[in-house]
Amino acid sequence: MGKKTIMLVCAAGMSTSMLVKKMEDAATKDGIEAKIFATSASDAHDKLDSEKPDVLMLGPQVRYLEGDFKKDLSIPVQVINMQDYGLMKGENVLKTALKLIDEQ
């Protein structure tokens, strides 16, 4: 399995950066090659073009964007589970993202 690129989108990109770190730690622990990064909703389209992620995970505060992204993209798009987000459960979010990529 090649390297996976996981993009997280939130309102400003700040709260999600801590979650990215937790996801990276979980990936390293499990020997998963993944590029994980966060961006703000306003930069999302630029990042999609430049980074070509395998999956797009939305912070709960930008769940209203889900429909537009799903309509425009051919990659999986999902809102991050509110509890996993709130508790910064990086491993859970990573597993969800990888499962979405595998199912595609």
N, C-alpha and C. Protein backbone atom coordinates (compact mmCIF):
# COMPACT_ATOMS: atom_id res chain seq x y z
N MET A 1 0.85 -1.19 0.00
CA MET A 1 0.00 0.00 0.00
C MET A 1 0.89 1.24 0.00
N GLY A 2 0.69 2.13 -0.95
CA GLY A 2 1.52 3.33 -1.05
C GLY A 2 1.18 4.34 0.02
N LYS A 3 1.88 5.43 -0.05
CA LYS A 3 1.67 6.51 0.92
C LYS A 3 0.30 7.16 0.69
N LYS A 4 -0.41 7.36 1.75
CA LYS A 4 -1.73 7.98 1.68
C LYS A 4 -1.64 9.45 2.05
N THR A 5 -2.42 10.27 1.38
CA THR A 5 -2.47 11.69 1.72
C THR A 5 -3.85 12.00 2.28
N ILE A 6 -3.85 12.47 3.52
CA ILE A 6 -5.10 12.75 4.23
C ILE A 6 -5.17 14.24 4.52
N MET A 7 -6.23 14.87 4.04
CA MET A 7 -6.39 16.30 4.24
C MET A 7 -7.53 16.56 5.22
N LEU A 8 -7.26 17.38 6.22
CA LEU A 8 -8.27 17.79 7.18
C LEU A 8 -8.60 19.25 6.93
N VAL A 9 -9.87 19.57 6.98
CA VAL A 9 -10.29 20.96 6.79
C VAL A 9 -11.07 21.41 8.02
N CYS A 10 -10.69 22.58 8.55
CA CYS A 10 -11.49 23.16 9.63
C CYS A 10 -11.64 24.64 9.38
N ALA A 11 -12.29 25.33 10.27
CA ALA A 11 -12.60 26.74 10.04
C ALA A 11 -11.34 27.56 9.81
N ALA A 12 -10.35 27.43 10.71
CA ALA A 12 -9.15 28.25 10.59
C ALA A 12 -7.88 27.43 10.42
N GLY A 13 -7.95 26.11 10.61
CA GLY A 13 -6.76 25.28 10.47
C GLY A 13 -5.98 25.11 11.76
N MET A 14 -6.42 25.75 12.84
CA MET A 14 -5.64 25.70 14.08
C MET A 14 -5.97 24.49 14.94
N SER A 15 -7.23 24.32 15.30
CA SER A 15 -7.60 23.22 16.21
C SER A 15 -7.23 21.88 15.58
N THR A 16 -7.27 21.83 14.28
CA THR A 16 -7.02 20.57 13.60
C THR A 16 -5.54 20.21 13.58
N SER A 17 -4.66 21.20 13.75
CA SER A 17 -3.23 20.88 13.68
C SER A 17 -2.81 19.95 14.82
N MET A 18 -3.44 20.08 15.97
CA MET A 18 -3.15 19.16 17.07
C MET A 18 -3.62 17.74 16.73
N LEU A 19 -4.77 17.66 16.09
CA LEU A 19 -5.30 16.37 15.67
C LEU A 19 -4.37 15.73 14.62
N VAL A 20 -3.85 16.54 13.71
CA VAL A 20 -2.90 16.04 12.71
C VAL A 20 -1.71 15.38 13.40
N LYS A 21 -1.17 16.04 14.41
CA LYS A 21 -0.02 15.50 15.15
C LYS A 21 -0.37 14.14 15.76
N LYS A 22 -1.55 14.05 16.36
CA LYS A 22 -1.97 12.78 16.98
C LYS A 22 -2.14 11.69 15.91
N MET A 23 -2.66 12.08 14.75
CA MET A 23 -2.83 11.11 13.66
C MET A 23 -1.47 10.65 13.14
N GLU A 24 -0.53 11.59 13.03
CA GLU A 24 0.82 11.23 12.58
C GLU A 24 1.48 10.27 13.56
N ASP A 25 1.31 10.53 14.84
CA ASP A 25 1.87 9.64 15.86
C ASP A 25 1.28 8.23 15.73
N ALA A 26 -0.04 8.17 15.51
CA ALA A 26 -0.71 6.87 15.37
C ALA A 26 -0.22 6.15 14.11
N ALA A 27 -0.04 6.89 13.03
CA ALA A 27 0.44 6.29 11.77
C ALA A 27 1.85 5.73 11.95
N THR A 28 2.70 6.49 12.60
CA THR A 28 4.08 6.04 12.85
C THR A 28 4.08 4.78 13.69
N LYS A 29 3.26 4.78 14.73
CA LYS A 29 3.17 3.63 15.64
C LYS A 29 2.73 2.37 14.89
N ASP A 30 1.80 2.56 13.94
CA ASP A 30 1.26 1.41 13.20
C ASP A 30 2.02 1.12 11.90
N GLY A 31 3.10 1.87 11.66
CA GLY A 31 3.89 1.66 10.45
C GLY A 31 3.16 2.03 9.17
N ILE A 32 2.28 3.02 9.25
CA ILE A 32 1.51 3.45 8.09
C ILE A 32 2.18 4.68 7.48
N GLU A 33 2.39 4.62 6.18
CA GLU A 33 2.96 5.79 5.49
C GLU A 33 1.83 6.72 5.11
N ALA A 34 1.81 7.88 5.73
CA ALA A 34 0.74 8.82 5.44
C ALA A 34 1.25 10.25 5.52
N LYS A 35 0.76 11.05 4.61
CA LYS A 35 0.99 12.49 4.70
C LYS A 35 -0.32 13.08 5.18
N ILE A 36 -0.30 13.70 6.33
CA ILE A 36 -1.52 14.23 6.95
C ILE A 36 -1.32 15.72 7.17
N PHE A 37 -2.26 16.51 6.71
CA PHE A 37 -2.13 17.95 6.92
C PHE A 37 -3.50 18.58 7.08
N ALA A 38 -3.48 19.77 7.68
CA ALA A 38 -4.72 20.51 7.92
C ALA A 38 -4.67 21.82 7.16
N THR A 39 -5.83 22.26 6.75
CA THR A 39 -5.92 23.56 6.08
C THR A 39 -7.23 24.23 6.46
N SER A 40 -7.29 25.51 6.23
CA SER A 40 -8.53 26.24 6.53
C SER A 40 -9.52 26.04 5.39
N ALA A 41 -10.78 26.26 5.69
CA ALA A 41 -11.82 26.11 4.67
C ALA A 41 -11.55 27.02 3.47
N SER A 42 -11.01 28.22 3.73
CA SER A 42 -10.79 29.16 2.63
C SER A 42 -9.65 28.72 1.70
N ASP A 43 -8.71 27.93 2.22
CA ASP A 43 -7.59 27.45 1.40
C ASP A 43 -7.82 26.05 0.83
N ALA A 44 -8.94 25.44 1.18
CA ALA A 44 -9.16 24.03 0.85
C ALA A 44 -9.02 23.73 -0.64
N HIS A 45 -9.62 24.55 -1.49
CA HIS A 45 -9.59 24.23 -2.93
C HIS A 45 -8.18 24.32 -3.51
N ASP A 46 -7.40 25.30 -3.06
CA ASP A 46 -6.01 25.40 -3.51
C ASP A 46 -5.22 24.16 -3.11
N LYS A 47 -5.42 23.73 -1.87
CA LYS A 47 -4.70 22.56 -1.36
C LYS A 47 -5.12 21.28 -2.08
N LEU A 48 -6.40 21.18 -2.40
CA LEU A 48 -6.87 20.00 -3.15
C LEU A 48 -6.15 19.90 -4.48
N ASP A 49 -5.97 21.03 -5.14
CA ASP A 49 -5.29 21.04 -6.44
C ASP A 49 -3.82 20.71 -6.30
N SER A 50 -3.16 21.26 -5.28
CA SER A 50 -1.71 21.08 -5.17
C SER A 50 -1.32 19.77 -4.51
N GLU A 51 -2.10 19.28 -3.56
CA GLU A 51 -1.72 18.10 -2.78
C GLU A 51 -2.36 16.80 -3.26
N LYS A 52 -3.45 16.89 -3.99
CA LYS A 52 -4.17 15.70 -4.48
C LYS A 52 -4.37 14.64 -3.38
N PRO A 53 -5.11 14.99 -2.31
CA PRO A 53 -5.29 14.02 -1.21
C PRO A 53 -6.14 12.83 -1.63
N ASP A 54 -5.97 11.73 -0.88
CA ASP A 54 -6.75 10.51 -1.11
C ASP A 54 -8.10 10.56 -0.40
N VAL A 55 -8.17 11.40 0.63
CA VAL A 55 -9.41 11.52 1.41
C VAL A 55 -9.45 12.91 2.03
N LEU A 56 -10.67 13.41 2.21
CA LEU A 56 -10.87 14.73 2.82
C LEU A 56 -11.73 14.56 4.06
N MET A 57 -11.19 14.96 5.20
CA MET A 57 -11.92 14.87 6.46
C MET A 57 -12.23 16.30 6.92
N LEU A 58 -13.51 16.53 7.25
CA LEU A 58 -13.95 17.87 7.65
C LEU A 58 -14.12 17.97 9.16
N GLY A 59 -13.63 19.05 9.74
CA GLY A 59 -13.89 19.30 11.16
C GLY A 59 -15.38 19.53 11.35
N PRO A 60 -15.91 19.16 12.51
CA PRO A 60 -17.36 19.30 12.74
C PRO A 60 -17.87 20.72 12.52
N GLN A 61 -17.02 21.73 12.75
CA GLN A 61 -17.48 23.11 12.60
C GLN A 61 -17.65 23.53 11.15
N VAL A 62 -17.15 22.73 10.19
CA VAL A 62 -17.35 23.06 8.77
C VAL A 62 -18.14 21.96 8.06
N ARG A 63 -18.97 21.24 8.81
CA ARG A 63 -19.75 20.14 8.22
C ARG A 63 -20.66 20.63 7.10
N TYR A 64 -21.02 21.92 7.13
CA TYR A 64 -21.90 22.47 6.09
C TYR A 64 -21.24 22.43 4.70
N LEU A 65 -19.92 22.23 4.64
CA LEU A 65 -19.21 22.16 3.35
C LEU A 65 -19.27 20.77 2.72
N GLU A 66 -19.71 19.78 3.49
CA GLU A 66 -19.65 18.39 3.03
C GLU A 66 -20.34 18.18 1.68
N GLY A 67 -21.54 18.71 1.54
CA GLY A 67 -22.29 18.51 0.30
C GLY A 67 -21.57 19.04 -0.93
N ASP A 68 -21.02 20.25 -0.81
CA ASP A 68 -20.30 20.86 -1.93
C ASP A 68 -19.07 20.04 -2.31
N PHE A 69 -18.29 19.65 -1.30
CA PHE A 69 -17.09 18.87 -1.58
C PHE A 69 -17.45 17.52 -2.23
N LYS A 70 -18.49 16.87 -1.70
CA LYS A 70 -18.89 15.57 -2.26
C LYS A 70 -19.31 15.71 -3.72
N LYS A 71 -19.94 16.81 -4.02
CA LYS A 71 -20.42 17.07 -5.38
C LYS A 71 -19.23 17.31 -6.33
N ASP A 72 -18.21 18.02 -5.83
CA ASP A 72 -17.09 18.44 -6.67
C ASP A 72 -15.94 17.43 -6.76
N LEU A 73 -15.85 16.51 -5.79
CA LEU A 73 -14.66 15.67 -5.70
C LEU A 73 -14.96 14.21 -5.98
N SER A 74 -13.93 13.50 -6.43
CA SER A 74 -14.08 12.06 -6.66
C SER A 74 -13.43 11.25 -5.54
N ILE A 75 -12.93 11.94 -4.51
CA ILE A 75 -12.34 11.24 -3.35
C ILE A 75 -13.36 11.20 -2.22
N PRO A 76 -13.17 10.28 -1.25
CA PRO A 76 -14.11 10.23 -0.12
C PRO A 76 -14.04 11.53 0.70
N VAL A 77 -15.22 11.98 1.14
CA VAL A 77 -15.33 13.17 1.99
C VAL A 77 -16.19 12.78 3.18
N GLN A 78 -15.71 13.06 4.39
CA GLN A 78 -16.51 12.74 5.57
C GLN A 78 -16.23 13.73 6.69
N VAL A 79 -17.26 14.01 7.48
CA VAL A 79 -17.10 14.86 8.65
C VAL A 79 -16.49 13.99 9.77
N ILE A 80 -15.49 14.54 10.44
CA ILE A 80 -14.85 13.82 11.54
C ILE A 80 -15.84 13.64 12.68
N ASN A 81 -15.86 12.45 13.24
CA ASN A 81 -16.72 12.14 14.38
C ASN A 81 -16.50 13.19 15.48
N MET A 82 -17.60 13.77 15.94
CA MET A 82 -17.53 14.88 16.91
C MET A 82 -16.77 14.49 18.17
N GLN A 83 -17.00 13.28 18.66
CA GLN A 83 -16.34 12.84 19.89
C GLN A 83 -14.85 12.62 19.66
N ASP A 84 -14.50 11.99 18.53
CA ASP A 84 -13.08 11.79 18.21
C ASP A 84 -12.38 13.13 18.06
N TYR A 85 -13.08 14.08 17.46
CA TYR A 85 -12.51 15.41 17.26
C TYR A 85 -12.32 16.12 18.60
N GLY A 86 -13.36 16.11 19.40
CA GLY A 86 -13.33 16.79 20.70
C GLY A 86 -12.27 16.22 21.63
N LEU A 87 -12.10 14.89 21.59
CA LEU A 87 -11.14 14.23 22.47
C LEU A 87 -9.78 14.05 21.78
N MET A 88 -9.66 14.58 20.54
CA MET A 88 -8.41 14.49 19.78
C MET A 88 -7.92 13.04 19.65
N LYS A 89 -8.84 12.16 19.30
CA LYS A 89 -8.49 10.75 19.13
C LYS A 89 -7.95 10.53 17.72
N GLY A 90 -6.69 10.87 17.54
CA GLY A 90 -6.05 10.80 16.23
C GLY A 90 -6.09 9.42 15.61
N GLU A 91 -5.92 8.40 16.44
CA GLU A 91 -5.91 7.03 15.92
C GLU A 91 -7.26 6.67 15.29
N ASN A 92 -8.35 7.07 15.94
CA ASN A 92 -9.68 6.78 15.40
C ASN A 92 -9.91 7.50 14.07
N VAL A 93 -9.51 8.77 14.02
CA VAL A 93 -9.71 9.56 12.80
C VAL A 93 -8.85 8.98 11.67
N LEU A 94 -7.63 8.57 12.00
CA LEU A 94 -6.74 7.95 11.01
C LEU A 94 -7.37 6.67 10.46
N LYS A 95 -7.87 5.83 11.35
CA LYS A 95 -8.50 4.57 10.92
C LYS A 95 -9.69 4.83 10.01
N THR A 96 -10.50 5.80 10.37
CA THR A 96 -11.66 6.15 9.55
C THR A 96 -11.21 6.60 8.17
N ALA A 97 -10.20 7.47 8.12
CA ALA A 97 -9.71 7.98 6.85
C ALA A 97 -9.17 6.85 5.97
N LEU A 98 -8.39 5.96 6.56
CA LEU A 98 -7.81 4.85 5.78
C LEU A 98 -8.89 3.90 5.29
N LYS A 99 -9.91 3.69 6.12
CA LYS A 99 -11.02 2.81 5.72
C LYS A 99 -11.75 3.41 4.52
N LEU A 100 -11.96 4.73 4.54
CA LEU A 100 -12.63 5.39 3.42
C LEU A 100 -11.82 5.25 2.14
N ILE A 101 -10.50 5.37 2.24
CA ILE A 101 -9.63 5.22 1.07
C ILE A 101 -9.72 3.79 0.54
N ASP A 102 -9.64 2.82 1.44
CA ASP A 102 -9.68 1.40 1.05
C ASP A 102 -11.00 1.03 0.38
N GLU A 103 -12.09 1.63 0.86
CA GLU A 103 -13.42 1.27 0.34
C GLU A 103 -13.69 1.87 -1.01
N GLN A 104 -12.90 2.84 -1.39
CA GLN A 104 -13.19 3.55 -2.64
C GLN A 104 -12.94 2.67 -3.85
